Amino acid sequence: MLELYHHGSSVCAAKVRMALAEKGLDWKGHYLDILKGDQFDPDYLKLNPKGVVPTLVDGGEVIRESTLICEYIDEKFPDPPLKPADPAGKVRMRYWTKFLDEQLHEMCAVVTFTASHRYTILRMSEAEVEEFLERTPDPDWKRRKREWIEMGFDGPEVVKAVKTYDKLLKDMETALEKSDWLAGDGFSLADIGVAPYVNRIDILGMLENWTPKRPRVLGWLARMRERPSYGPAIDEYMPESLTNDFRTNGEKSWPAVEAILRSA
């Protein structure tokens, strides 16, 4: 049986769960609490040396990186297909997944930590915060997390993060002028990949404020939520306490985001 190491709030894990759900596949889950640092457990690091989720295990194969996992799932279980049939459509799909991997993903981490996670972590004692940071093995990520937690919206990456998210929404609105789905006429891994990132700013209570002149983005999200795979893959794995934190913290963080957008 397929085994997936994942977490409820991980955008990368969410898109893999959605791909599995679209295929109707059974899988065994191993839930890692990334806010507690479970992903840095030595046994897990043997599977994923980066200490990130998700990781898919298929028999003797260990597949890392969510975009690659989704393509692996689609190729091994081809019905129903989640990639366009034509070469140009596949390229359009991969423009989106490439943008997520190369630009948006790290900026999503900045927005998430700055707007919400920092408040959750700062409820810990000073010693617990230091323990949380020390469990991050990569020194650069450790430094960045400290900046996000301690500096909030005064941190050096925040403006870039907000502008990168705004580019996503702008590009989506443009693409959706031509079709209901991001890579063309059919639903694809492009839509699956983007969905958790748009959902993130929605559960932070920011999306409708961010997109008043982008109705096609909101229409696309409504279509995504109508798919039977969406709720089980994205909504049902979010712990209620974390969802509440996102909403509460995100709404009070919106004025800072809005100020960056106005100055852009």
C-alpha atoms as a PDB file:
ATOM      1  CA  MET A   1       0.000   0.000   0.000  1.00  0.00           C
ATOM      2  CA  LEU A   2       1.089   3.564  -0.631  1.00  0.00           C
ATOM      3  CA  GLU A   3       2.337   5.340   2.500  1.00  0.00           C
ATOM      4  CA  LEU A   4       2.340   9.108   2.875  1.00  0.00           C
ATOM      5  CA  TYR A   5       4.217  11.108   5.497  1.00  0.00           C
ATOM      6  CA  HIS A   6       2.348  14.391   5.778  1.00  0.00           C
ATOM      7  CA  HIS A   7       0.917  17.193   7.928  1.00  0.00           C
ATOM      8  CA  GLY A   8      -2.439  18.981   7.858  1.00  0.00           C
ATOM      9  CA  SER A   9      -1.175  22.503   7.258  1.00  0.00           C
ATOM     10  CA  SER A  10       1.489  21.587   4.695  1.00  0.00           C
ATOM     11  CA  VAL A  11       0.552  22.971   1.283  1.00  0.00           C
ATOM     12  CA  CYS A  12       2.797  20.403  -0.382  1.00  0.00           C
ATOM     13  CA  ALA A  13       1.208  17.500   1.458  1.00  0.00           C
ATOM     14  CA  ALA A  14      -2.260  18.826   0.591  1.00  0.00           C
ATOM     15  CA  LYS A  15      -1.649  18.681  -3.146  1.00  0.00           C
ATOM     16  CA  VAL A  16      -0.402  15.087  -2.890  1.00  0.00           C
ATOM     17  CA  ARG A  17      -3.467  14.100  -0.868  1.00  0.00           C
ATOM     18  CA  MET A  18      -5.642  15.716  -3.534  1.00  0.00           C
ATOM     19  CA  ALA A  19      -3.895  13.826  -6.337  1.00  0.00           C
ATOM     20  CA  LEU A  20      -4.402  10.567  -4.433  1.00  0.00           C
ATOM     21  CA  ALA A  21      -8.065  11.417  -3.881  1.00  0.00           C
ATOM     22  CA  GLU A  22      -8.604  12.271  -7.552  1.00  0.00           C
ATOM     23  CA  LYS A  23      -7.291   8.806  -8.422  1.00  0.00           C
ATOM     24  CA  GLY A  24      -9.421   7.117  -5.750  1.00  0.00           C
ATOM     25  CA  LEU A  25      -6.344   5.481  -4.220  1.00  0.00           C
ATOM     26  CA  ASP A  26      -6.079   3.986  -0.754  1.00  0.00           C
ATOM     27  CA  TRP A  27      -3.064   5.017   1.270  1.00  0.00           C
ATOM     28  CA  LYS A  28      -1.664   4.752   4.775  1.00  0.00           C
ATOM     29  CA  GLY A  29      -0.837   8.025   6.465  1.00  0.00           C
ATOM     30  CA  HIS A  30       1.969   8.876   8.879  1.00  0.00           C
ATOM     31  CA  TYR A  31       1.112  12.238  10.422  1.00  0.00           C
ATOM     32  CA  LEU A  32       4.041  14.445  11.389  1.00  0.00           C
ATOM     33  CA  ASP A  33       3.464  17.579  13.476  1.00  0.00           C
ATOM     34  CA  ILE A  34       5.807  19.998  11.753  1.00  0.00           C
ATOM     35  CA  LEU A  35       5.198  22.724  14.345  1.00  0.00           C
ATOM     36  CA  LYS A  36       6.620  20.369  16.963  1.00  0.00           C
ATOM     37  CA  GLY A  37       9.511  19.339  14.721  1.00  0.00           C
ATOM     38  CA  ASP A  38       8.482  15.724  14.077  1.00  0.00           C
ATOM     39  CA  GLN A  39       9.984  16.014  10.582  1.00  0.00           C
ATOM     40  CA  PHE A  40      13.451  16.155  12.124  1.00  0.00           C
ATOM     41  CA  ASP A  41      13.161  12.787  13.830  1.00  0.00           C
ATOM     42  CA  PRO A  42      16.265  10.745  12.863  1.00  0.00           C
ATOM     43  CA  ASP A  43      14.174   7.890  11.457  1.00  0.00           C
ATOM     44  CA  TYR A  44      12.240  10.260   9.207  1.00  0.00           C
ATOM     45  CA  LEU A  45      15.414  12.007   8.077  1.00  0.00           C
ATOM     46  CA  LYS A  46      16.552   8.669   6.668  1.00  0.00           C
ATOM     47  CA  LEU A  47      13.551   8.858   4.315  1.00  0.00           C
ATOM     48  CA  ASN A  48      13.731  12.585   3.668  1.00  0.00           C
ATOM     49  CA  PRO A  49      17.115  14.133   4.505  1.00  0.00           C
ATOM     50  CA  LYS A  50      15.709  17.649   3.980  1.00  0.00           C
ATOM     51  CA  GLY A  51      13.338  17.132   6.907  1.00  0.00           C
ATOM     52  CA  VAL A  52      10.259  18.260   4.992  1.00  0.00           C
ATOM     53  CA  VAL A  53       6.891  16.747   4.128  1.00  0.00           C
ATOM     54  CA  PRO A  54       5.496  15.040   2.170  1.00  0.00           C
ATOM     55  CA  THR A  55       7.270  11.789   1.419  1.00  0.00           C
ATOM     56  CA  LEU A  56       5.572   8.974  -0.485  1.00  0.00           C
ATOM     57  CA  VAL A  57       6.691   5.380  -0.026  1.00  0.00           C
ATOM     58  CA  ASP A  58       5.560   2.891  -2.658  1.00  0.00           C
ATOM     59  CA  GLY A  59       6.981  -0.489  -1.776  1.00  0.00           C
ATOM     60  CA  GLY A  60      10.725  -0.056  -2.075  1.00  0.00           C
ATOM     61  CA  GLU A  61      10.493   3.336  -3.747  1.00  0.00           C
ATOM     62  CA  VAL A  62      10.809   6.538  -1.718  1.00  0.00           C
ATOM     63  CA  ILE A  63       9.571   9.577  -3.634  1.00  0.00           C
ATOM     64  CA  ARG A  64      10.216  13.095  -2.360  1.00  0.00           C
ATOM     65  CA  GLU A  65       9.218  16.576  -3.582  1.00  0.00           C
ATOM     66  CA  SER A  66       5.479  17.085  -3.926  1.00  0.00           C
ATOM     67  CA  THR A  67       5.490  18.039  -7.618  1.00  0.00           C
ATOM     68  CA  LEU A  68       7.408  14.880  -8.469  1.00  0.00           C
ATOM     69  CA  ILE A  69       5.164  12.799  -6.223  1.00  0.00           C
ATOM     70  CA  CYS A  70       2.060  14.091  -8.023  1.00  0.00           C
ATOM     71  CA  GLU A  71       3.545  13.292 -11.424  1.00  0.00           C
ATOM     72  CA  TYR A  72       4.590   9.846 -10.177  1.00  0.00           C
ATOM     73  CA  ILE A  73       1.040   9.162  -8.988  1.00  0.00           C
ATOM     74  CA  ASP A  74      -0.401  10.317 -12.307  1.00  0.00           C
ATOM     75  CA  GLU A  75       1.960   8.205 -14.367  1.00  0.00           C
ATOM     76  CA  LYS A  76       1.661   5.049 -12.280  1.00  0.00           C
ATOM     77  CA  PHE A  77      -2.122   5.325 -11.965  1.00  0.00           C
ATOM     78  CA  PRO A  78      -3.125   6.954 -15.282  1.00  0.00           C
ATOM     79  CA  ASP A  79      -6.911   6.880 -14.872  1.00  0.00           C
ATOM     80  CA  PRO A  80      -8.237   9.526 -14.675  1.00  0.00           C
ATOM     81  CA  PRO A  81      -5.397  11.542 -16.257  1.00  0.00           C
ATOM     82  CA  LEU A  82      -4.265  14.665 -14.412  1.00  0.00           C
ATOM     83  CA  LYS A  83      -2.069  16.065 -17.181  1.00  0.00           C
ATOM     84  CA  PRO A  84      -3.207  17.600 -20.472  1.00  0.00           C
ATOM     85  CA  ALA A  85      -2.981  15.198 -23.405  1.00  0.00           C
ATOM     86  CA  ASP A  86      -1.111  17.573 -25.738  1.00  0.00           C
ATOM     87  CA  PRO A  87       2.518  18.686 -25.338  1.00  0.00           C
ATOM     88  CA  ALA A  88       1.611  22.398 -25.204  1.00  0.00           C
ATOM     89  CA  GLY A  89      -0.890  21.719 -22.423  1.00  0.00           C
ATOM     90  CA  LYS A  90       1.727  19.811 -20.444  1.00  0.00           C
ATOM     91  CA  VAL A  91       4.081  22.790 -20.795  1.00  0.00           C
ATOM     92  CA  ARG A  92       1.369  25.184 -19.564  1.00  0.00           C
ATOM     93  CA  MET A  93       0.775  22.889 -16.605  1.00  0.00           C
ATOM     94  CA  ARG A  94       4.474  22.794 -15.756  1.00  0.00           C
ATOM     95  CA  TYR A  95       4.820  26.584 -15.959  1.00  0.00           C
ATOM     96  CA  TRP A  96       2.497  26.669 -12.941  1.00  0.00           C
ATOM     97  CA  THR A  97       4.188  23.879 -10.994  1.00  0.00           C
ATOM     98  CA  LYS A  98       7.615  25.383 -11.762  1.00  0.00           C
ATOM     99  CA  PHE A  99       6.477  28.772 -10.444  1.00  0.00           C
ATOM    100  CA  LEU A 100       5.226  27.137  -7.262  1.00  0.00           C
ATOM    101  CA  ASP A 101       8.467  25.256  -6.678  1.00  0.00           C
ATOM    102  CA  GLU A 102      10.892  27.987  -7.647  1.00  0.00           C
ATOM    103  CA  GLN A 103       9.169  31.151  -6.414  1.00  0.00           C
ATOM    104  CA  LEU A 104       5.972  30.824  -4.430  1.00  0.00           C
ATOM    105  CA  HIS A 105       6.640  27.992  -2.015  1.00  0.00           C
ATOM    106  CA  GLU A 106       9.290  29.694   0.094  1.00  0.00           C
ATOM    107  CA  MET A 107       7.285  32.915   0.028  1.00  0.00           C
ATOM    108  CA  CYS A 108       4.234  31.000   1.272  1.00  0.00           C
ATOM    109  CA  ALA A 109       6.347  29.949   4.250  1.00  0.00           C
ATOM    110  CA  VAL A 110       7.214  33.605   4.882  1.00  0.00           C
ATOM    111  CA  VAL A 111       3.559  34.678   4.777  1.00  0.00           C
ATOM    112  CA  THR A 112       2.404  31.731   6.905  1.00  0.00           C
ATOM    113  CA  PHE A 113       4.989  32.213   9.631  1.00  0.00           C
ATOM    114  CA  THR A 114       4.749  35.989   9.653  1.00  0.00           C
ATOM    115  CA  ALA A 115       0.961  36.183   9.616  1.00  0.00           C
ATOM    116  CA  SER A 116       0.161  33.252  11.911  1.00  0.00           C
ATOM    117  CA  HIS A 117       2.708  30.634  12.978  1.00  0.00           C
ATOM    118  CA  ARG A 118       4.822  33.200  14.821  1.00  0.00           C
ATOM    119  CA  TYR A 119       1.936  33.927  17.201  1.00  0.00           C
ATOM    120  CA  THR A 120       1.434  30.204  17.842  1.00  0.00           C
ATOM    121  CA  ILE A 121       5.143  29.657  18.470  1.00  0.00           C
ATOM    122  CA  LEU A 122       5.451  32.736  20.686  1.00  0.00           C
ATOM    123  CA  ARG A 123       2.902  31.176  23.047  1.00  0.00           C
ATOM    124  CA  MET A 124       5.711  28.793  23.950  1.00  0.00           C
ATOM    125  CA  SER A 125       8.257  29.581  26.625  1.00  0.00           C
ATOM    126  CA  GLU A 126      11.534  31.135  25.518  1.00  0.00           C
ATOM    127  CA  ALA A 127      13.269  27.803  26.051  1.00  0.00           C
ATOM    128  CA  GLU A 128      10.649  25.980  23.956  1.00  0.00           C
ATOM    129  CA  VAL A 129      11.054  28.490  21.127  1.00  0.00           C
ATOM    130  CA  GLU A 130      14.791  27.915  21.139  1.00  0.00           C
ATOM    131  CA  GLU A 131      14.244  24.157  21.175  1.00  0.00           C
ATOM    132  CA  PHE A 132      11.905  24.503  18.187  1.00  0.00           C
ATOM    133  CA  LEU A 133      14.519  26.485  16.263  1.00  0.00           C
ATOM    134  CA  GLU A 134      17.354  24.156  17.203  1.00  0.00           C
ATOM    135  CA  ARG A 135      15.475  21.213  15.701  1.00  0.00           C
ATOM    136  CA  THR A 136      15.836  22.842  12.273  1.00  0.00           C
ATOM    137  CA  PRO A 137      19.064  21.306  10.940  1.00  0.00           C
ATOM    138  CA  ASP A 138      19.683  23.733   8.070  1.00  0.00           C
ATOM    139  CA  PRO A 139      21.351  26.865   9.499  1.00  0.00           C
ATOM    140  CA  ASP A 140      19.911  29.178   6.835  1.00  0.00           C
ATOM    141  CA  TRP A 141      16.335  27.983   7.463  1.00  0.00           C
ATOM    142  CA  LYS A 142      16.957  28.318  11.199  1.00  0.00           C
ATOM    143  CA  ARG A 143      18.057  31.931  10.702  1.00  0.00           C
ATOM    144  CA  ARG A 144      15.080  32.722   8.503  1.00  0.00           C
ATOM    145  CA  LYS A 145      12.583  31.172  10.919  1.00  0.00           C
ATOM    146  CA  ARG A 146      14.054  33.231  13.731  1.00  0.00           C
ATOM    147  CA  GLU A 147      13.580  36.390  11.641  1.00  0.00           C
ATOM    148  CA  TRP A 148       9.974  35.471  10.807  1.00  0.00           C
ATOM    149  CA  ILE A 149       9.167  34.758  14.445  1.00  0.00           C
ATOM    150  CA  GLU A 150      10.986  37.697  16.009  1.00  0.00           C
ATOM    151  CA  MET A 151      10.563  40.411  13.346  1.00  0.00           C
ATOM    152  CA  GLY A 152       7.160  39.614  11.872  1.00  0.00           C
ATOM    153  CA  PHE A 153       6.194  42.024   9.095  1.00  0.00           C
ATOM    154  CA  ASP A 154       9.385  44.009   9.658  1.00  0.00           C
ATOM    155  CA  GLY A 155      11.400  41.048   8.355  1.00  0.00           C
ATOM    156  CA  PRO A 156      13.486  41.391   5.174  1.00  0.00           C
ATOM    157  CA  GLU A 157      11.531  38.850   3.075  1.00  0.00           C
ATOM    158  CA  VAL A 158       7.980  39.962   3.714  1.00  0.00           C
ATOM    159  CA  VAL A 159       7.572  42.492   0.895  1.00  0.00           C
ATOM    160  CA  LYS A 160       8.895  40.004  -1.659  1.00  0.00           C
ATOM    161  CA  ALA A 161       6.573  37.316  -0.270  1.00  0.00           C
ATOM    162  CA  VAL A 162       3.459  39.464  -0.563  1.00  0.00           C
ATOM    163  CA  LYS A 163       4.372  40.612  -4.085  1.00  0.00           C
ATOM    164  CA  THR A 164       5.026  37.012  -5.181  1.00  0.00           C
ATOM    165  CA  TYR A 165       1.609  35.969  -3.909  1.00  0.00           C
ATOM    166  CA  ASP A 166       0.072  38.925  -5.716  1.00  0.00           C
ATOM    167  CA  LYS A 167       1.757  37.815  -8.943  1.00  0.00           C
ATOM    168  CA  LEU A 168       0.191  34.370  -8.541  1.00  0.00           C
ATOM    169  CA  LEU A 169      -3.295  35.845  -8.223  1.00  0.00           C
ATOM    170  CA  LYS A 170      -2.737  38.253 -11.119  1.00  0.00           C
ATOM    171  CA  ASP A 171      -1.463  35.473 -13.399  1.00  0.00           C
ATOM    172  CA  MET A 172      -4.364  33.240 -12.394  1.00  0.00           C
ATOM    173  CA  GLU A 173      -6.913  35.912 -13.276  1.00  0.00           C
ATOM    174  CA  THR A 174      -5.306  36.324 -16.693  1.00  0.00           C
ATOM    175  CA  ALA A 175      -5.167  32.572 -17.408  1.00  0.00           C
ATOM    176  CA  LEU A 176      -8.753  32.061 -16.300  1.00  0.00           C
ATOM    177  CA  GLU A 177      -9.980  34.572 -18.872  1.00  0.00           C
ATOM    178  CA  LYS A 178      -9.405  31.830 -21.467  1.00  0.00           C
ATOM    179  CA  SER A 179     -10.644  28.711 -19.678  1.00  0.00           C
ATOM    180  CA  ASP A 180     -12.065  27.410 -16.405  1.00  0.00           C
ATOM    181  CA  TRP A 181      -8.800  25.683 -15.503  1.00  0.00           C
ATOM    182  CA  LEU A 182      -5.252  26.963 -15.290  1.00  0.00           C
ATOM    183  CA  ALA A 183      -3.545  24.862 -17.967  1.00  0.00           C
ATOM    184  CA  GLY A 184      -6.386  24.861 -20.490  1.00  0.00           C
ATOM    185  CA  ASP A 185      -9.825  23.339 -20.864  1.00  0.00           C
ATOM    186  CA  GLY A 186      -9.206  20.417 -18.505  1.00  0.00           C
ATOM    187  CA  PHE A 187      -8.544  20.091 -14.765  1.00  0.00           C
ATOM    188  CA  SER A 188      -4.898  19.181 -14.170  1.00  0.00           C
ATOM    189  CA  LEU A 189      -1.991  19.007 -11.751  1.00  0.00           C
ATOM    190  CA  ALA A 190      -1.651  22.775 -12.244  1.00  0.00           C
ATOM    191  CA  ASP A 191      -4.964  23.291 -10.440  1.00  0.00           C
ATOM    192  CA  ILE A 192      -4.096  20.713  -7.790  1.00  0.00           C
ATOM    193  CA  GLY A 193      -0.732  22.373  -7.197  1.00  0.00           C
ATOM    194  CA  VAL A 194      -2.055  25.912  -6.891  1.00  0.00           C
ATOM    195  CA  ALA A 195      -5.125  25.089  -4.773  1.00  0.00           C
ATOM    196  CA  PRO A 196      -3.427  24.705  -1.363  1.00  0.00           C
ATOM    197  CA  TYR A 197      -1.585  28.012  -1.805  1.00  0.00           C
ATOM    198  CA  VAL A 198      -4.779  29.923  -2.590  1.00  0.00           C
ATOM    199  CA  ASN A 199      -6.527  28.078   0.233  1.00  0.00           C
ATOM    200  CA  ARG A 200      -3.759  29.224   2.584  1.00  0.00           C
ATOM    201  CA  ILE A 201      -4.505  32.921   2.164  1.00  0.00           C
ATOM    202  CA  ASP A 202      -8.215  32.133   2.275  1.00  0.00           C
ATOM    203  CA  ILE A 203      -8.025  30.456   5.676  1.00  0.00           C
ATOM    204  CA  LEU A 204      -5.857  33.356   6.797  1.00  0.00           C
ATOM    205  CA  GLY A 205      -8.936  35.484   6.086  1.00  0.00           C
ATOM    206  CA  MET A 206      -7.171  37.465   3.354  1.00  0.00           C
ATOM    207  CA  LEU A 207      -8.371  36.153   0.001  1.00  0.00           C
ATOM    208  CA  GLU A 208     -11.558  38.157  -0.535  1.00  0.00           C
ATOM    209  CA  ASN A 209      -9.793  41.371   0.495  1.00  0.00           C
ATOM    210  CA  TRP A 210      -6.917  40.468  -1.842  1.00  0.00           C
ATOM    211  CA  THR A 211      -9.074  39.670  -4.883  1.00  0.00           C
ATOM    212  CA  PRO A 212     -11.962  42.189  -5.139  1.00  0.00           C
ATOM    213  CA  LYS A 213     -11.093  42.821  -8.795  1.00  0.00           C
ATOM    214  CA  ARG A 214     -10.219  39.203  -9.575  1.00  0.00           C
ATOM    215  CA  PRO A 215     -13.564  37.393  -9.728  1.00  0.00           C
ATOM    216  CA  ARG A 216     -12.205  34.581 -11.884  1.00  0.00           C
ATOM    217  CA  VAL A 217      -9.873  33.484  -9.089  1.00  0.00           C
ATOM    218  CA  LEU A 218     -12.800  33.237  -6.686  1.00  0.00           C
ATOM    219  CA  GLY A 219     -14.841  31.374  -9.306  1.00  0.00           C
ATOM    220  CA  TRP A 220     -11.982  28.940  -9.851  1.00  0.00           C
ATOM    221  CA  LEU A 221     -11.704  28.309  -6.105  1.00  0.00           C
ATOM    222  CA  ALA A 222     -15.442  27.645  -5.945  1.00  0.00           C
ATOM    223  CA  ARG A 223     -15.061  25.049  -8.730  1.00  0.00           C
ATOM    224  CA  MET A 224     -12.153  23.471  -6.896  1.00  0.00           C
ATOM    225  CA  ARG A 225     -14.215  23.158  -3.730  1.00  0.00           C
ATOM    226  CA  GLU A 226     -16.957  21.392  -5.664  1.00  0.00           C
ATOM    227  CA  ARG A 227     -14.603  18.536  -6.495  1.00  0.00           C
ATOM    228  CA  PRO A 228     -15.065  15.528  -4.180  1.00  0.00           C
ATOM    229  CA  SER A 229     -11.301  15.425  -3.597  1.00  0.00           C
ATOM    230  CA  TYR A 230     -11.002  18.933  -2.163  1.00  0.00           C
ATOM    231  CA  GLY A 231     -12.578  18.568   1.272  1.00  0.00           C
ATOM    232  CA  PRO A 232     -10.953  15.240   2.196  1.00  0.00           C
ATOM    233  CA  ALA A 233      -7.545  16.353   0.914  1.00  0.00           C
ATOM    234  CA  ILE A 234      -7.400  19.910   2.235  1.00  0.00           C
ATOM    235  CA  ASP A 235     -10.099  20.837   4.727  1.00  0.00           C
ATOM    236  CA  GLU A 236     -10.403  17.634   6.745  1.00  0.00           C
ATOM    237  CA  TYR A 237      -6.718  17.397   7.632  1.00  0.00           C
ATOM    238  CA  MET A 238      -6.469  20.875   9.082  1.00  0.00           C
ATOM    239  CA  PRO A 239      -6.651  20.658  12.894  1.00  0.00           C
ATOM    240  CA  GLU A 240      -9.454  22.888  14.155  1.00  0.00           C
ATOM    241  CA  SER A 241      -7.168  24.694  16.573  1.00  0.00           C
ATOM    242  CA  LEU A 242      -4.731  25.490  13.757  1.00  0.00           C
ATOM    243  CA  THR A 243      -7.534  26.677  11.480  1.00  0.00           C
ATOM    244  CA  ASN A 244      -8.748  28.983  14.241  1.00  0.00           C
ATOM    245  CA  ASP A 245      -5.225  30.328  14.736  1.00  0.00           C
ATOM    246  CA  PHE A 246      -4.855  30.970  11.009  1.00  0.00           C
ATOM    247  CA  ARG A 247      -8.142  32.851  10.850  1.00  0.00           C
ATOM    248  CA  THR A 248      -7.609  34.931  13.984  1.00  0.00           C
ATOM    249  CA  ASN A 249      -3.973  35.760  13.327  1.00  0.00           C
ATOM    250  CA  GLY A 250      -4.414  36.263   9.596  1.00  0.00           C
ATOM    251  CA  GLU A 251      -7.243  38.761   9.944  1.00  0.00           C
ATOM    252  CA  LYS A 252      -5.231  40.930  12.305  1.00  0.00           C
ATOM    253  CA  SER A 253      -2.254  40.665   9.921  1.00  0.00           C
ATOM    254  CA  TRP A 254      -4.199  41.805   6.841  1.00  0.00           C
ATOM    255  CA  PRO A 255      -3.619  45.563   7.350  1.00  0.00           C
ATOM    256  CA  ALA A 256       0.135  44.981   7.112  1.00  0.00           C
ATOM    257  CA  VAL A 257      -0.324  42.972   3.901  1.00  0.00           C
ATOM    258  CA  GLU A 258      -2.647  45.627   2.484  1.00  0.00           C
ATOM    259  CA  ALA A 259      -0.082  48.335   3.202  1.00  0.00           C
ATOM    260  CA  ILE A 260       2.525  46.430   1.181  1.00  0.00           C
ATOM    261  CA  LEU A 261       0.107  45.991  -1.740  1.00  0.00           C
ATOM    262  CA  ARG A 262      -0.749  49.695  -1.737  1.00  0.00           C
ATOM    263  CA  SER A 263       2.910  50.670  -1.826  1.00  0.00           C
ATOM    264  CA  ALA A 264       3.743  48.288  -4.674  1.00  0.00           C
END
